[in-house]
């Protein structure tokens, strides 16, 4: 019975190991997907910004307005650096050029104008870092829940089996008193029923033997 309890406890920890593997695989997959999604979203954002600015520049050209930083700077997000090129006009640079690696997109207009938009990859890295922290926190909570469940399951199985082993040892040592303990686990409760029934039978047999011995002595 003690060996059986140890076997069940080991299986509870095997269950924990399987859960941890699932969490790790799911977490790594989620990290990969979220990283790709954030990077793709950043590239799409830079491209959309370039398309939008090309449209604004083209409208100014058609309206005969000058293409300069005045007014255009209000159209640009703080973390992006556009460069506007119009034939016959000086380049228009808006904002501060990002350092390090950048995400870039160039869009051409119908009148020879073009807009190049750059965004630092550090912005993307920061967003990926925040996402990783969230995933890590969720994974940690899942691990803690799995550990708690495994410990609870191990205790739920080990304690009743140890108790049943003690009951069996009491029967073997000549103590036939039934314990009438149940554990809420159908298989273990059936074992407890069998042990209690055996204890009652042994008790009746011992009582009958004592009566026979008393009658014989008279």
N, C-alpha and C. Protein backbone atom coordinates (compact mmCIF):
# COMPACT_ATOMS: atom_id res chain seq x y z
N UNK A 1 0.83 -1.21 0.00
CA UNK A 1 0.00 0.00 0.00
C UNK A 1 0.87 1.26 0.00
N UNK A 2 1.96 1.21 0.78
CA UNK A 2 2.86 2.35 0.79
C UNK A 2 3.51 2.54 -0.58
N UNK A 3 3.87 1.41 -1.22
CA UNK A 3 4.45 1.51 -2.55
C UNK A 3 3.46 2.09 -3.53
N UNK A 4 2.18 1.69 -3.36
CA UNK A 4 1.13 2.22 -4.24
C UNK A 4 0.97 3.73 -4.04
N UNK A 5 1.06 4.17 -2.80
CA UNK A 5 0.96 5.61 -2.53
C UNK A 5 2.11 6.36 -3.18
N UNK A 6 3.33 5.78 -3.08
CA UNK A 6 4.47 6.43 -3.70
C UNK A 6 4.31 6.47 -5.21
N UNK A 7 3.75 5.38 -5.78
CA UNK A 7 3.53 5.34 -7.22
C UNK A 7 2.56 6.43 -7.66
N UNK A 8 1.49 6.60 -6.91
CA UNK A 8 0.51 7.64 -7.25
C UNK A 8 1.10 9.03 -7.10
N UNK A 9 1.91 9.20 -6.06
CA UNK A 9 2.56 10.51 -5.87
C UNK A 9 3.50 10.81 -7.03
N UNK A 10 4.24 9.79 -7.46
CA UNK A 10 5.13 10.01 -8.61
C UNK A 10 4.33 10.39 -9.85
N UNK A 11 3.17 9.75 -10.02
CA UNK A 11 2.34 10.09 -11.17
C UNK A 11 1.79 11.51 -11.07
N UNK A 12 1.54 11.97 -9.85
CA UNK A 12 1.09 13.35 -9.69
C UNK A 12 2.19 14.31 -10.14
N UNK A 13 3.44 13.98 -9.81
CA UNK A 13 4.55 14.84 -10.23
C UNK A 13 4.82 14.69 -11.72
N UNK A 14 4.55 13.50 -12.28
CA UNK A 14 4.64 13.34 -13.74
C UNK A 14 3.62 14.25 -14.42
N UNK A 15 2.42 14.29 -13.83
CA UNK A 15 1.39 15.20 -14.35
C UNK A 15 1.90 16.64 -14.33
N UNK A 16 2.57 17.03 -13.25
CA UNK A 16 3.13 18.38 -13.17
C UNK A 16 4.16 18.60 -14.28
N UNK A 17 5.01 17.60 -14.51
CA UNK A 17 6.00 17.72 -15.57
C UNK A 17 5.37 17.91 -16.94
N UNK A 18 4.31 17.15 -17.20
CA UNK A 18 3.61 17.28 -18.49
C UNK A 18 3.02 18.68 -18.63
N UNK A 19 2.41 19.17 -17.54
CA UNK A 19 1.83 20.52 -17.57
C UNK A 19 2.91 21.56 -17.83
N UNK A 20 4.07 21.42 -17.20
CA UNK A 20 5.15 22.38 -17.39
C UNK A 20 5.66 22.36 -18.84
N UNK A 21 5.74 21.15 -19.42
CA UNK A 21 6.16 21.06 -20.82
C UNK A 21 5.15 21.75 -21.73
N UNK A 22 3.86 21.51 -21.45
CA UNK A 22 2.80 22.15 -22.26
C UNK A 22 2.88 23.67 -22.14
N UNK A 23 3.06 24.15 -20.91
CA UNK A 23 3.17 25.60 -20.70
C UNK A 23 4.37 26.17 -21.44
N UNK A 24 5.51 25.45 -21.38
CA UNK A 24 6.71 25.93 -22.05
C UNK A 24 6.52 25.99 -23.56
N UNK A 25 5.95 24.91 -24.13
CA UNK A 25 5.74 24.88 -25.58
C UNK A 25 4.76 25.97 -26.00
N UNK A 26 3.65 26.07 -25.26
CA UNK A 26 2.66 27.09 -25.59
C UNK A 26 3.23 28.49 -25.42
N UNK A 27 4.01 28.70 -24.35
CA UNK A 27 4.60 30.01 -24.10
C UNK A 27 5.57 30.41 -25.19
N UNK A 28 6.44 29.47 -25.61
CA UNK A 28 7.40 29.78 -26.67
C UNK A 28 6.69 30.06 -27.99
N UNK A 29 5.65 29.28 -28.27
CA UNK A 29 4.88 29.52 -29.49
C UNK A 29 4.21 30.89 -29.45
N UNK A 30 3.68 31.23 -28.28
CA UNK A 30 3.02 32.53 -28.15
C UNK A 30 4.02 33.67 -28.29
N UNK A 31 5.21 33.49 -27.73
CA UNK A 31 6.26 34.51 -27.86
C UNK A 31 6.62 34.71 -29.33
N UNK A 32 6.78 33.61 -30.05
CA UNK A 32 7.13 33.70 -31.47
C UNK A 32 6.03 34.42 -32.26
N UNK A 33 4.77 34.02 -32.02
CA UNK A 33 3.66 34.61 -32.75
C UNK A 33 3.52 36.10 -32.42
N UNK A 34 3.59 36.43 -31.13
CA UNK A 34 3.43 37.83 -30.73
C UNK A 34 4.57 38.70 -31.26
N UNK A 35 5.79 38.15 -31.25
CA UNK A 35 6.93 38.91 -31.78
C UNK A 35 6.75 39.21 -33.26
N UNK A 36 6.35 38.18 -34.00
CA UNK A 36 6.11 38.39 -35.43
C UNK A 36 4.97 39.38 -35.66
N UNK A 37 3.93 39.28 -34.84
CA UNK A 37 2.79 40.18 -35.00
C UNK A 37 3.17 41.63 -34.73
N UNK A 38 3.93 41.84 -33.65
CA UNK A 38 4.35 43.21 -33.31
C UNK A 38 5.25 43.79 -34.40
N UNK A 39 6.20 42.98 -34.89
CA UNK A 39 7.09 43.46 -35.95
C UNK A 39 6.31 43.76 -37.22
N UNK A 40 5.38 42.88 -37.58
CA UNK A 40 4.56 43.10 -38.77
C UNK A 40 3.69 44.34 -38.62
N UNK A 41 3.13 44.53 -37.43
CA UNK A 41 2.31 45.71 -37.18
C UNK A 41 3.13 47.00 -37.29
N UNK A 42 4.37 46.95 -36.79
CA UNK A 42 5.24 48.13 -36.88
C UNK A 42 5.57 48.44 -38.34
N UNK A 43 5.89 47.42 -39.12
CA UNK A 43 6.18 47.65 -40.55
C UNK A 43 4.95 48.20 -41.27
N UNK A 44 3.78 47.63 -40.97
CA UNK A 44 2.55 48.13 -41.60
C UNK A 44 2.28 49.58 -41.20
N UNK A 45 2.57 49.92 -39.94
CA UNK A 45 2.35 51.29 -39.48
C UNK A 45 3.24 52.28 -40.20
N UNK A 46 4.52 51.90 -40.36
CA UNK A 46 5.46 52.79 -41.06
C UNK A 46 5.04 52.94 -42.52
N UNK A 47 4.64 51.83 -43.13
CA UNK A 47 4.20 51.89 -44.53
C UNK A 47 2.95 52.74 -44.67
N UNK A 48 2.00 52.59 -43.77
CA UNK A 48 0.77 53.39 -43.83
C UNK A 48 1.08 54.88 -43.65
N UNK A 49 2.04 55.17 -42.76
CA UNK A 49 2.44 56.56 -42.56
C UNK A 49 3.03 57.16 -43.83
N UNK A 50 3.86 56.38 -44.52
CA UNK A 50 4.47 56.86 -45.76
C UNK A 50 3.40 57.08 -46.84
N UNK A 51 2.45 56.15 -46.95
CA UNK A 51 1.36 56.31 -47.92
C UNK A 51 0.53 57.55 -47.61
N UNK A 52 0.24 57.77 -46.35
CA UNK A 52 -0.57 58.92 -45.96
C UNK A 52 0.13 60.24 -46.27
N UNK A 53 1.43 60.29 -45.95
CA UNK A 53 2.19 61.52 -46.20
C UNK A 53 2.35 61.79 -47.70
N UNK A 54 2.52 60.73 -48.49
CA UNK A 54 2.58 60.92 -49.94
C UNK A 54 1.28 61.54 -50.45
N UNK A 55 0.15 61.09 -49.90
CA UNK A 55 -1.14 61.65 -50.29
C UNK A 55 -1.24 63.13 -49.93
N UNK A 56 -0.75 63.48 -48.74
CA UNK A 56 -0.79 64.89 -48.31
C UNK A 56 0.10 65.75 -49.20
N UNK A 57 1.31 65.25 -49.49
CA UNK A 57 2.24 66.00 -50.34
C UNK A 57 1.65 66.16 -51.75
N UNK A 58 1.06 65.11 -52.28
CA UNK A 58 0.48 65.17 -53.62
C UNK A 58 -0.66 66.20 -53.66
N UNK A 59 -1.48 66.23 -52.62
CA UNK A 59 -2.57 67.21 -52.58
C UNK A 59 -2.02 68.64 -52.55
N UNK A 60 -0.91 68.84 -51.84
CA UNK A 60 -0.30 70.18 -51.80
C UNK A 60 0.24 70.58 -53.17
N UNK A 61 0.84 69.60 -53.84
CA UNK A 61 1.38 69.91 -55.17
C UNK A 61 0.24 70.27 -56.12
N UNK A 62 -0.82 69.52 -56.09
CA UNK A 62 -1.97 69.79 -56.97
C UNK A 62 -2.61 71.14 -56.64
N UNK A 63 -2.58 71.51 -55.36
CA UNK A 63 -3.18 72.78 -54.95
C UNK A 63 -2.23 73.96 -55.15
N UNK A 64 -1.01 73.67 -55.61
CA UNK A 64 -0.04 74.73 -55.82
C UNK A 64 0.57 75.26 -54.54
N UNK A 65 0.45 74.53 -53.47
CA UNK A 65 1.02 74.96 -52.19
C UNK A 65 2.47 74.51 -52.08
N UNK A 66 3.22 75.17 -51.23
CA UNK A 66 4.61 74.79 -51.02
C UNK A 66 4.67 73.54 -50.14
N UNK A 67 5.67 72.74 -50.41
CA UNK A 67 5.88 71.53 -49.61
C UNK A 67 7.07 71.79 -48.69
N UNK A 68 6.78 72.11 -47.45
CA UNK A 68 7.85 72.36 -46.49
C UNK A 68 7.43 71.78 -45.14
N UNK A 69 8.29 71.98 -44.15
CA UNK A 69 8.02 71.39 -42.83
C UNK A 69 6.81 72.01 -42.16
N UNK A 70 6.47 73.23 -42.56
CA UNK A 70 5.35 73.91 -41.91
C UNK A 70 4.04 73.15 -42.22
N UNK A 71 3.39 72.76 -41.22
CA UNK A 71 2.14 72.03 -41.37
C UNK A 71 2.34 70.53 -41.43
N UNK A 72 3.40 70.09 -42.14
CA UNK A 72 3.65 68.65 -42.24
C UNK A 72 4.08 68.05 -40.91
N UNK A 73 4.80 68.84 -40.11
CA UNK A 73 5.30 68.30 -38.85
C UNK A 73 4.17 67.90 -37.90
N UNK A 74 3.02 68.54 -38.08
CA UNK A 74 1.88 68.17 -37.22
C UNK A 74 1.22 66.87 -37.67
N UNK A 75 1.60 66.38 -38.83
CA UNK A 75 1.01 65.16 -39.38
C UNK A 75 1.79 63.90 -39.01
N UNK A 76 2.90 64.09 -38.29
CA UNK A 76 3.82 62.97 -38.07
C UNK A 76 3.86 62.59 -36.59
N UNK A 77 3.88 61.31 -36.34
CA UNK A 77 4.01 60.81 -34.97
C UNK A 77 5.41 61.12 -34.45
N UNK A 78 5.52 61.26 -33.14
CA UNK A 78 6.78 61.67 -32.52
C UNK A 78 7.91 60.67 -32.75
N UNK A 79 7.56 59.38 -32.84
CA UNK A 79 8.61 58.36 -32.92
C UNK A 79 8.98 58.00 -34.36
N UNK A 80 8.51 58.80 -35.33
CA UNK A 80 8.80 58.51 -36.73
C UNK A 80 9.54 59.68 -37.39
N UNK A 81 10.34 59.33 -38.38
CA UNK A 81 11.20 60.32 -39.05
C UNK A 81 10.96 60.24 -40.56
N UNK A 82 10.12 61.15 -41.10
CA UNK A 82 9.88 61.15 -42.54
C UNK A 82 10.87 62.06 -43.27
N UNK A 83 11.18 61.66 -44.51
CA UNK A 83 11.96 62.49 -45.42
C UNK A 83 11.14 62.63 -46.70
N UNK A 84 10.79 63.88 -47.03
CA UNK A 84 9.94 64.15 -48.20
C UNK A 84 10.82 64.69 -49.32
N UNK A 85 10.72 64.08 -50.51
CA UNK A 85 11.50 64.51 -51.67
C UNK A 85 10.53 64.87 -52.80
N UNK A 86 10.67 66.09 -53.27
CA UNK A 86 9.88 66.59 -54.39
C UNK A 86 10.84 67.11 -55.44
N UNK A 87 10.71 66.69 -56.70
CA UNK A 87 11.63 67.17 -57.75
C UNK A 87 11.66 68.70 -57.82
N UNK A 88 12.87 69.22 -57.82
CA UNK A 88 13.04 70.66 -57.91
C UNK A 88 12.92 71.38 -56.58
N UNK A 89 12.74 70.65 -55.52
CA UNK A 89 12.63 71.27 -54.18
C UNK A 89 13.61 70.58 -53.23
N UNK A 90 14.07 71.30 -52.20
CA UNK A 90 14.96 70.65 -51.22
C UNK A 90 14.20 69.60 -50.40
N UNK A 91 14.96 68.66 -49.89
CA UNK A 91 14.36 67.62 -49.05
C UNK A 91 13.76 68.24 -47.80
N UNK A 92 12.69 67.66 -47.35
CA UNK A 92 12.06 68.09 -46.10
C UNK A 92 12.21 66.95 -45.10
N UNK A 93 12.90 67.24 -44.03
CA UNK A 93 13.11 66.24 -42.98
C UNK A 93 12.33 66.67 -41.74
N UNK A 94 11.56 65.76 -41.23
CA UNK A 94 10.69 66.07 -40.10
C UNK A 94 11.11 65.24 -38.89
N UNK A 95 11.27 65.91 -37.76
CA UNK A 95 11.63 65.20 -36.53
C UNK A 95 13.10 64.88 -36.46
N UNK A 96 13.44 63.99 -35.54
CA UNK A 96 14.84 63.63 -35.33
C UNK A 96 15.08 62.22 -35.84
N UNK A 97 16.14 62.05 -36.59
CA UNK A 97 16.43 60.74 -37.18
C UNK A 97 16.77 59.74 -36.08
N UNK A 98 16.15 58.57 -36.10
CA UNK A 98 16.44 57.57 -35.06
C UNK A 98 17.81 56.96 -35.24
N UNK A 99 18.40 56.57 -34.13
CA UNK A 99 19.72 55.93 -34.17
C UNK A 99 19.54 54.41 -34.13
N UNK A 100 20.59 53.73 -34.52
CA UNK A 100 20.54 52.27 -34.49
C UNK A 100 19.72 51.71 -35.65
N UNK A 101 19.25 50.50 -35.46
CA UNK A 101 18.47 49.84 -36.50
C UNK A 101 17.10 50.50 -36.62
N UNK A 102 16.62 50.56 -37.86
CA UNK A 102 15.33 51.22 -38.10
C UNK A 102 14.45 50.34 -38.98
N UNK A 103 13.15 50.63 -38.91
CA UNK A 103 12.18 50.09 -39.85
C UNK A 103 11.87 51.20 -40.83
N UNK A 104 11.93 50.90 -42.10
CA UNK A 104 11.78 51.97 -43.08
C UNK A 104 10.83 51.56 -44.19
N UNK A 105 10.18 52.56 -44.79
CA UNK A 105 9.30 52.34 -45.93
C UNK A 105 9.34 53.59 -46.80
N UNK A 106 9.44 53.37 -48.12
CA UNK A 106 9.45 54.47 -49.08
C UNK A 106 8.27 54.31 -50.04
N UNK A 107 7.51 55.37 -50.19
CA UNK A 107 6.36 55.37 -51.10
C UNK A 107 6.51 56.51 -52.10
N UNK A 108 6.21 56.20 -53.35
CA UNK A 108 6.32 57.19 -54.43
C UNK A 108 4.93 57.69 -54.82
N UNK A 109 4.87 58.99 -55.17
CA UNK A 109 3.63 59.60 -55.62
C UNK A 109 3.55 59.68 -57.13
N UNK A 110 2.46 60.22 -57.63
CA UNK A 110 2.21 60.27 -59.07
C UNK A 110 2.98 61.37 -59.77
N UNK A 111 3.56 62.32 -59.04
CA UNK A 111 4.25 63.46 -59.65
C UNK A 111 5.75 63.45 -59.35
N UNK A 112 6.28 62.28 -59.09
CA UNK A 112 7.72 62.17 -58.84
C UNK A 112 8.10 62.35 -57.39
N UNK A 113 7.16 62.74 -56.55
CA UNK A 113 7.48 62.92 -55.13
C UNK A 113 7.60 61.55 -54.44
N UNK A 114 8.34 61.54 -53.38
CA UNK A 114 8.47 60.31 -52.58
C UNK A 114 8.61 60.67 -51.11
N UNK A 115 8.18 59.73 -50.28
CA UNK A 115 8.28 59.91 -48.83
C UNK A 115 8.91 58.65 -48.25
N UNK A 116 9.95 58.84 -47.48
CA UNK A 116 10.58 57.72 -46.74
C UNK A 116 10.34 57.96 -45.26
N UNK A 117 9.80 56.96 -44.59
CA UNK A 117 9.52 57.05 -43.16
C UNK A 117 10.37 56.01 -42.43
N UNK A 118 11.04 56.46 -41.38
CA UNK A 118 11.85 55.57 -40.55
C UNK A 118 11.32 55.58 -39.12
N UNK A 119 11.44 54.43 -38.50
CA UNK A 119 11.08 54.29 -37.08
C UNK A 119 12.11 53.39 -36.41
N UNK A 120 12.56 53.78 -35.25
CA UNK A 120 13.58 53.00 -34.54
C UNK A 120 13.02 51.64 -34.12
N UNK A 121 13.85 50.62 -34.27
CA UNK A 121 13.44 49.29 -33.83
C UNK A 121 13.35 49.20 -32.31
N UNK A 122 13.96 50.18 -31.62
CA UNK A 122 13.89 50.15 -30.16
C UNK A 122 12.45 50.25 -29.67
N UNK A 123 11.62 50.99 -30.42
CA UNK A 123 10.20 51.08 -30.06
C UNK A 123 9.55 49.71 -30.13
N UNK A 124 9.87 48.99 -31.20
CA UNK A 124 9.33 47.64 -31.35
C UNK A 124 9.88 46.72 -30.26
N UNK A 125 11.17 46.86 -29.98
CA UNK A 125 11.78 46.01 -28.94
C UNK A 125 11.14 46.25 -27.58
N UNK A 126 10.83 47.52 -27.29
CA UNK A 126 10.18 47.82 -26.01
C UNK A 126 8.80 47.18 -25.93
N UNK A 127 8.05 47.23 -27.03
CA UNK A 127 6.72 46.62 -27.03
C UNK A 127 6.83 45.10 -26.91
N UNK A 128 7.81 44.53 -27.59
CA UNK A 128 8.03 43.08 -27.47
C UNK A 128 8.40 42.73 -26.04
N UNK A 129 9.25 43.56 -25.42
CA UNK A 129 9.64 43.31 -24.03
C UNK A 129 8.44 43.34 -23.09
N UNK A 130 7.55 44.31 -23.27
CA UNK A 130 6.35 44.37 -22.43
C UNK A 130 5.47 43.15 -22.64
N UNK A 131 5.36 42.73 -23.89
CA UNK A 131 4.56 41.54 -24.19
C UNK A 131 5.17 40.29 -23.56
N UNK A 132 6.49 40.19 -23.63
CA UNK A 132 7.17 39.04 -23.02
C UNK A 132 6.96 39.01 -21.51
N UNK A 133 6.99 40.18 -20.88
CA UNK A 133 6.75 40.23 -19.44
C UNK A 133 5.34 39.73 -19.09
N UNK A 134 4.37 40.14 -19.90
CA UNK A 134 3.00 39.68 -19.66
C UNK A 134 2.90 38.17 -19.83
N UNK A 135 3.50 37.65 -20.91
CA UNK A 135 3.47 36.19 -21.15
C UNK A 135 4.19 35.46 -20.02
N UNK A 136 5.33 36.00 -19.58
CA UNK A 136 6.08 35.37 -18.49
C UNK A 136 5.26 35.36 -17.21
N UNK A 137 4.57 36.46 -16.92
CA UNK A 137 3.75 36.52 -15.71
C UNK A 137 2.62 35.50 -15.77
N UNK A 138 1.97 35.40 -16.93
CA UNK A 138 0.89 34.42 -17.09
C UNK A 138 1.43 33.00 -16.96
N UNK A 139 2.60 32.74 -17.58
CA UNK A 139 3.21 31.41 -17.49
C UNK A 139 3.58 31.06 -16.04
N UNK A 140 4.10 32.06 -15.32
CA UNK A 140 4.46 31.84 -13.92
C UNK A 140 3.23 31.50 -13.08
N UNK A 141 2.14 32.22 -13.32
CA UNK A 141 0.89 31.91 -12.61
C UNK A 141 0.41 30.51 -12.94
N UNK A 142 0.53 30.12 -14.22
CA UNK A 142 0.11 28.78 -14.62
C UNK A 142 0.98 27.72 -13.96
N UNK A 143 2.29 27.98 -13.87
CA UNK A 143 3.20 27.03 -13.21
C UNK A 143 2.85 26.90 -11.72
N UNK A 144 2.61 28.03 -11.06
CA UNK A 144 2.25 27.99 -9.64
C UNK A 144 0.94 27.22 -9.44
N UNK A 145 -0.02 27.44 -10.33
CA UNK A 145 -1.28 26.72 -10.24
C UNK A 145 -1.06 25.22 -10.45
N UNK A 146 -0.20 24.87 -11.42
CA UNK A 146 0.08 23.45 -11.68
C UNK A 146 0.79 22.80 -10.49
N UNK A 147 1.75 23.52 -9.90
CA UNK A 147 2.45 22.99 -8.71
C UNK A 147 1.46 22.78 -7.57
N UNK A 148 0.60 23.80 -7.34
CA UNK A 148 -0.39 23.66 -6.28
C UNK A 148 -1.32 22.48 -6.51
N UNK A 149 -1.75 22.30 -7.76
CA UNK A 149 -2.63 21.18 -8.09
C UNK A 149 -1.93 19.84 -7.90
N UNK A 150 -0.65 19.78 -8.33
CA UNK A 150 0.10 18.53 -8.18
C UNK A 150 0.31 18.18 -6.70
N UNK A 151 0.66 19.19 -5.90
CA UNK A 151 0.85 18.95 -4.46
C UNK A 151 -0.46 18.51 -3.82
N UNK A 152 -1.54 19.19 -4.18
CA UNK A 152 -2.85 18.84 -3.63
C UNK A 152 -3.25 17.43 -4.03
N UNK A 153 -3.00 17.08 -5.30
CA UNK A 153 -3.35 15.75 -5.76
C UNK A 153 -2.50 14.69 -5.07
N UNK A 154 -1.21 14.99 -4.92
CA UNK A 154 -0.33 14.03 -4.25
C UNK A 154 -0.77 13.80 -2.81
N UNK A 155 -1.10 14.89 -2.10
CA UNK A 155 -1.56 14.74 -0.72
C UNK A 155 -2.90 14.02 -0.65
N UNK A 156 -3.76 14.35 -1.62
CA UNK A 156 -5.10 13.73 -1.64
C UNK A 156 -5.00 12.22 -1.84
N UNK A 157 -3.99 11.78 -2.58
CA UNK A 157 -3.83 10.35 -2.84
C UNK A 157 -2.97 9.67 -1.78
N UNK A 158 -1.90 10.35 -1.34
CA UNK A 158 -0.94 9.70 -0.44
C UNK A 158 -1.51 9.52 0.96
N UNK A 159 -2.17 10.54 1.50
CA UNK A 159 -2.67 10.45 2.87
C UNK A 159 -3.69 9.33 3.06
N UNK A 160 -4.72 9.21 2.18
CA UNK A 160 -5.67 8.10 2.35
C UNK A 160 -5.01 6.73 2.20
N UNK A 161 -4.07 6.60 1.26
CA UNK A 161 -3.42 5.30 1.07
C UNK A 161 -2.58 4.93 2.29
N UNK A 162 -1.93 5.92 2.87
CA UNK A 162 -1.17 5.66 4.10
C UNK A 162 -2.11 5.23 5.22
N UNK A 163 -3.26 5.90 5.29
CA UNK A 163 -4.25 5.55 6.31
C UNK A 163 -4.79 4.14 6.11
N UNK A 164 -5.04 3.79 4.86
CA UNK A 164 -5.53 2.42 4.57
C UNK A 164 -4.47 1.38 4.89
N UNK A 165 -3.20 1.73 4.64
CA UNK A 165 -2.12 0.80 4.98
C UNK A 165 -2.07 0.57 6.49
N UNK A 166 -2.26 1.63 7.26
CA UNK A 166 -2.29 1.48 8.73
C UNK A 166 -3.47 0.62 9.17
N UNK A 167 -4.61 0.76 8.52
CA UNK A 167 -5.78 -0.06 8.84
C UNK A 167 -5.48 -1.53 8.58
N UNK A 168 -4.85 -1.81 7.42
CA UNK A 168 -4.50 -3.19 7.08
C UNK A 168 -3.51 -3.76 8.09
N UNK A 169 -2.55 -2.93 8.52
CA UNK A 169 -1.57 -3.40 9.51
C UNK A 169 -2.25 -3.69 10.85
N UNK A 170 -3.24 -2.88 11.22
CA UNK A 170 -3.98 -3.12 12.46
C UNK A 170 -4.73 -4.44 12.39
N UNK A 171 -5.34 -4.71 11.22
CA UNK A 171 -6.03 -5.99 11.06
C UNK A 171 -5.06 -7.15 11.20
N UNK A 172 -3.87 -6.99 10.57
CA UNK A 172 -2.88 -8.07 10.64
C UNK A 172 -2.35 -8.29 12.05
N UNK A 173 -2.37 -7.24 12.87
CA UNK A 173 -1.86 -7.38 14.24
C UNK A 173 -2.95 -7.81 15.22
N UNK A 174 -4.16 -8.05 14.70
CA UNK A 174 -5.22 -8.57 15.57
C UNK A 174 -6.18 -7.54 16.11
N UNK A 175 -6.17 -6.33 15.58
CA UNK A 175 -7.12 -5.30 16.00
C UNK A 175 -8.21 -5.19 14.94
N UNK A 176 -9.39 -5.80 15.16
CA UNK A 176 -10.42 -5.90 14.11
C UNK A 176 -11.41 -4.74 14.11
N UNK A 177 -11.12 -3.65 14.81
CA UNK A 177 -12.09 -2.57 14.86
C UNK A 177 -12.16 -1.82 13.53
N UNK A 178 -13.34 -1.74 12.90
CA UNK A 178 -13.46 -0.97 11.65
C UNK A 178 -13.31 0.52 11.93
N UNK A 179 -12.74 1.23 10.99
CA UNK A 179 -12.48 2.65 11.19
C UNK A 179 -13.55 3.55 10.56
N UNK A 180 -14.26 3.02 9.58
CA UNK A 180 -15.35 3.75 8.92
C UNK A 180 -14.90 5.12 8.39
N UNK A 181 -13.72 5.15 7.82
CA UNK A 181 -13.23 6.39 7.23
C UNK A 181 -13.39 6.34 5.71
N UNK A 182 -13.84 7.48 5.14
CA UNK A 182 -13.99 7.57 3.69
C UNK A 182 -13.25 8.83 3.22
N UNK A 183 -12.83 8.81 1.95
CA UNK A 183 -11.89 9.82 1.47
C UNK A 183 -12.37 10.62 0.26
N UNK A 184 -13.55 10.31 -0.22
CA UNK A 184 -14.06 11.05 -1.36
C UNK A 184 -13.48 10.60 -2.69
N UNK A 185 -12.71 9.52 -2.70
CA UNK A 185 -12.18 8.93 -3.93
C UNK A 185 -12.82 7.55 -4.08
N UNK A 186 -13.61 7.32 -5.11
CA UNK A 186 -14.38 6.07 -5.21
C UNK A 186 -13.54 4.81 -5.05
N UNK A 187 -12.38 4.75 -5.70
CA UNK A 187 -11.55 3.55 -5.61
C UNK A 187 -11.05 3.32 -4.18
N UNK A 188 -10.61 4.41 -3.53
CA UNK A 188 -10.12 4.27 -2.16
C UNK A 188 -11.25 3.96 -1.19
N UNK A 189 -12.43 4.53 -1.44
CA UNK A 189 -13.57 4.24 -0.56
C UNK A 189 -13.98 2.77 -0.67
N UNK A 190 -13.86 2.18 -1.88
CA UNK A 190 -14.17 0.75 -2.01
C UNK A 190 -13.18 -0.09 -1.22
N UNK A 191 -11.90 0.29 -1.24
CA UNK A 191 -10.91 -0.43 -0.44
C UNK A 191 -11.24 -0.31 1.04
N UNK A 192 -11.64 0.90 1.47
CA UNK A 192 -12.00 1.10 2.86
C UNK A 192 -13.22 0.25 3.23
N UNK A 193 -14.20 0.13 2.32
CA UNK A 193 -15.36 -0.73 2.56
C UNK A 193 -14.93 -2.18 2.77
N UNK A 194 -14.03 -2.64 1.91
CA UNK A 194 -13.56 -4.04 2.01
C UNK A 194 -12.82 -4.26 3.32
N UNK A 195 -11.96 -3.30 3.71
CA UNK A 195 -11.22 -3.45 4.97
C UNK A 195 -12.17 -3.42 6.17
N UNK A 196 -13.17 -2.54 6.16
CA UNK A 196 -14.13 -2.49 7.26
C UNK A 196 -14.94 -3.78 7.34
N UNK A 197 -15.34 -4.29 6.16
CA UNK A 197 -16.10 -5.55 6.15
C UNK A 197 -15.24 -6.70 6.67
N UNK A 198 -13.97 -6.70 6.26
CA UNK A 198 -13.07 -7.74 6.76
C UNK A 198 -12.87 -7.62 8.27
N UNK A 199 -12.74 -6.38 8.75
CA UNK A 199 -12.58 -6.17 10.19
C UNK A 199 -13.79 -6.68 10.95
N UNK A 200 -14.99 -6.43 10.44
CA UNK A 200 -16.21 -6.90 11.11
C UNK A 200 -16.28 -8.42 11.12
N UNK A 201 -15.89 -9.06 9.97
CA UNK A 201 -15.90 -10.52 9.93
C UNK A 201 -14.88 -11.09 10.91
N UNK A 202 -13.67 -10.48 10.93
CA UNK A 202 -12.65 -10.97 11.86
C UNK A 202 -13.12 -10.77 13.30
N UNK A 203 -13.77 -9.65 13.56
CA UNK A 203 -14.29 -9.41 14.91
C UNK A 203 -15.32 -10.45 15.31
N UNK A 204 -16.22 -10.78 14.37
CA UNK A 204 -17.22 -11.81 14.69
C UNK A 204 -16.57 -13.17 14.90
N UNK A 205 -15.56 -13.48 14.09
CA UNK A 205 -14.87 -14.76 14.25
C UNK A 205 -14.16 -14.83 15.60
N UNK A 206 -13.51 -13.73 15.98
CA UNK A 206 -12.81 -13.73 17.27
C UNK A 206 -13.80 -13.85 18.43
N UNK A 207 -14.95 -13.19 18.30
CA UNK A 207 -15.98 -13.29 19.35
C UNK A 207 -16.49 -14.72 19.47
N UNK A 208 -16.71 -15.34 18.28
CA UNK A 208 -17.19 -16.73 18.30
C UNK A 208 -16.16 -17.67 18.91
N UNK A 209 -14.87 -17.43 18.60
CA UNK A 209 -13.82 -18.28 19.16
C UNK A 209 -13.75 -18.12 20.69
N UNK A 210 -13.91 -16.87 21.14
CA UNK A 210 -13.87 -16.66 22.59
C UNK A 210 -15.03 -17.38 23.29
N UNK A 211 -16.20 -17.34 22.65
CA UNK A 211 -17.35 -18.02 23.25
C UNK A 211 -17.13 -19.53 23.29
N UNK A 212 -16.57 -20.06 22.18
CA UNK A 212 -16.29 -21.49 22.17
C UNK A 212 -15.27 -21.86 23.26
N UNK A 213 -14.26 -21.01 23.40
CA UNK A 213 -13.24 -21.28 24.41
C UNK A 213 -13.83 -21.19 25.80
N UNK A 214 -14.76 -20.22 26.00
CA UNK A 214 -15.40 -20.10 27.32
C UNK A 214 -16.30 -21.29 27.61
N UNK A 215 -17.06 -21.72 26.57
CA UNK A 215 -17.94 -22.89 26.77
C UNK A 215 -17.11 -24.15 27.05
N UNK A 216 -15.98 -24.27 26.36
CA UNK A 216 -15.15 -25.46 26.55
C UNK A 216 -14.54 -25.48 27.94
N UNK A 217 -14.21 -24.31 28.47
CA UNK A 217 -13.59 -24.26 29.80
C UNK A 217 -14.59 -24.62 30.90
N UNK A 218 -15.91 -24.40 30.58
CA UNK A 218 -16.93 -24.78 31.56
C UNK A 218 -17.26 -26.26 31.43
